[in-house]
Amino acid sequence: MIAALATAAFLATFWMLAMTGLAILEDSGAKIVAALNGRSPLAMTPLVRPVSWKVSPRVRARPALPARPTLRAAA
């Protein structure tokens, strides 16, 4: 009886995975095939030139703290 329930659970899980895979292929199958053929939108050159700008950090450097002998001994 346990083998029959385990088989049913396995088949139900396999069916759900198959339906999920088919749904994914239905939604984005054309994109997958285009990417495999080398015609992906990411592989094409963009029509608009990318914009670049300089970013400077706003973090101020802290001055180095002097080493204290008590902290050296504790380490």
C-alpha atoms as a PDB file:
ATOM      1  CA  MET A   1       0.000   0.000   0.000  1.00  0.00           C
ATOM      2  CA  ILE A   2       2.861   2.358   0.807  1.00  0.00           C
ATOM      3  CA  ALA A   3       4.451   1.669  -2.592  1.00  0.00           C
ATOM      4  CA  ALA A   4       1.221   2.631  -4.360  1.00  0.00           C
ATOM      5  CA  LEU A   5       0.975   5.914  -2.420  1.00  0.00           C
ATOM      6  CA  ALA A   6       4.642   6.691  -3.040  1.00  0.00           C
ATOM      7  CA  THR A   7       4.195   6.025  -6.756  1.00  0.00           C
ATOM      8  CA  ALA A   8       1.120   8.267  -6.871  1.00  0.00           C
ATOM      9  CA  ALA A   9       2.977  11.050  -5.051  1.00  0.00           C
ATOM     10  CA  PHE A  10       5.950  10.709  -7.412  1.00  0.00           C
ATOM     11  CA  LEU A  11       3.747  10.824 -10.505  1.00  0.00           C
ATOM     12  CA  ALA A  12       1.836  13.844  -9.182  1.00  0.00           C
ATOM     13  CA  THR A  13       5.092  15.680  -8.491  1.00  0.00           C
ATOM     14  CA  PHE A  14       6.479  14.746 -11.903  1.00  0.00           C
ATOM     15  CA  TRP A  15       3.265  15.960 -13.567  1.00  0.00           C
ATOM     16  CA  MET A  16       3.437  19.293 -11.727  1.00  0.00           C
ATOM     17  CA  LEU A  17       7.077  19.773 -12.757  1.00  0.00           C
ATOM     18  CA  ALA A  18       6.232  18.958 -16.366  1.00  0.00           C
ATOM     19  CA  MET A  19       3.338  21.455 -16.388  1.00  0.00           C
ATOM     20  CA  THR A  20       5.550  24.144 -14.870  1.00  0.00           C
ATOM     21  CA  GLY A  21       8.241  23.510 -17.479  1.00  0.00           C
ATOM     22  CA  LEU A  22       5.707  23.694 -20.289  1.00  0.00           C
ATOM     23  CA  ALA A  23       4.316  26.964 -18.919  1.00  0.00           C
ATOM     24  CA  ILE A  24       7.818  28.453 -18.810  1.00  0.00           C
ATOM     25  CA  LEU A  25       8.518  27.315 -22.372  1.00  0.00           C
ATOM     26  CA  GLU A  26       5.208  28.739 -23.522  1.00  0.00           C
ATOM     27  CA  ASP A  27       5.995  32.135 -21.997  1.00  0.00           C
ATOM     28  CA  SER A  28       9.638  32.506 -22.968  1.00  0.00           C
ATOM     29  CA  GLY A  29      10.377  29.716 -25.419  1.00  0.00           C
ATOM     30  CA  ALA A  30      10.991  32.125 -28.293  1.00  0.00           C
ATOM     31  CA  LYS A  31      13.552  34.025 -26.214  1.00  0.00           C
ATOM     32  CA  ILE A  32      15.338  30.792 -25.329  1.00  0.00           C
ATOM     33  CA  VAL A  33      15.516  29.676 -28.965  1.00  0.00           C
ATOM     34  CA  ALA A  34      16.733  33.124 -30.083  1.00  0.00           C
ATOM     35  CA  ALA A  35      19.442  33.082 -27.399  1.00  0.00           C
ATOM     36  CA  LEU A  36      20.578  29.617 -28.453  1.00  0.00           C
ATOM     37  CA  ASN A  37      20.830  30.834 -32.052  1.00  0.00           C
ATOM     38  CA  GLY A  38      22.837  33.908 -30.993  1.00  0.00           C
ATOM     39  CA  ARG A  39      20.058  36.409 -31.612  1.00  0.00           C
ATOM     40  CA  SER A  40      19.403  37.353 -28.005  1.00  0.00           C
ATOM     41  CA  PRO A  41      18.471  40.982 -27.236  1.00  0.00           C
ATOM     42  CA  LEU A  42      21.431  41.101 -24.867  1.00  0.00           C
ATOM     43  CA  ALA A  43      23.802  39.932 -27.619  1.00  0.00           C
ATOM     44  CA  MET A  44      22.653  42.625 -30.056  1.00  0.00           C
ATOM     45  CA  THR A  45      24.230  46.066 -30.063  1.00  0.00           C
ATOM     46  CA  PRO A  46      21.917  48.607 -28.441  1.00  0.00           C
ATOM     47  CA  LEU A  47      20.405  51.370 -30.561  1.00  0.00           C
ATOM     48  CA  VAL A  48      21.066  53.949 -27.838  1.00  0.00           C
ATOM     49  CA  ARG A  49      24.593  54.662 -26.671  1.00  0.00           C
ATOM     50  CA  PRO A  50      25.121  53.802 -23.012  1.00  0.00           C
ATOM     51  CA  VAL A  51      25.360  56.734 -20.642  1.00  0.00           C
ATOM     52  CA  SER A  52      28.267  56.897 -18.226  1.00  0.00           C
ATOM     53  CA  TRP A  53      29.019  59.330 -15.471  1.00  0.00           C
ATOM     54  CA  LYS A  54      31.633  59.732 -12.815  1.00  0.00           C
ATOM     55  CA  VAL A  55      30.631  58.830  -9.288  1.00  0.00           C
ATOM     56  CA  SER A  56      32.693  60.108  -6.407  1.00  0.00           C
ATOM     57  CA  PRO A  57      32.336  58.598  -2.950  1.00  0.00           C
ATOM     58  CA  ARG A  58      31.158  60.877  -0.173  1.00  0.00           C
ATOM     59  CA  VAL A  59      32.958  58.960   2.514  1.00  0.00           C
ATOM     60  CA  ARG A  60      35.639  60.950   4.296  1.00  0.00           C
ATOM     61  CA  ALA A  61      38.784  59.114   5.265  1.00  0.00           C
ATOM     62  CA  ARG A  62      39.251  58.894   9.005  1.00  0.00           C
ATOM     63  CA  PRO A  63      42.662  59.727  10.416  1.00  0.00           C
ATOM     64  CA  ALA A  64      44.600  56.744  11.720  1.00  0.00           C
ATOM     65  CA  LEU A  65      44.317  56.261  15.450  1.00  0.00           C
ATOM     66  CA  PRO A  66      47.534  56.024  17.404  1.00  0.00           C
ATOM     67  CA  ALA A  67      48.267  52.570  18.795  1.00  0.00           C
ATOM     68  CA  ARG A  68      48.022  52.356  22.569  1.00  0.00           C
ATOM     69  CA  PRO A  69      50.252  49.912  24.424  1.00  0.00           C
ATOM     70  CA  THR A  70      47.332  48.623  26.520  1.00  0.00           C
ATOM     71  CA  LEU A  71      45.445  47.549  23.417  1.00  0.00           C
ATOM     72  CA  ARG A  72      48.529  45.868  21.982  1.00  0.00           C
ATOM     73  CA  ALA A  73      48.991  43.862  25.151  1.00  0.00           C
ATOM     74  CA  ALA A  74      45.344  42.789  25.106  1.00  0.00           C
ATOM     75  CA  ALA A  75      45.587  41.481  21.587  1.00  0.00           C
END
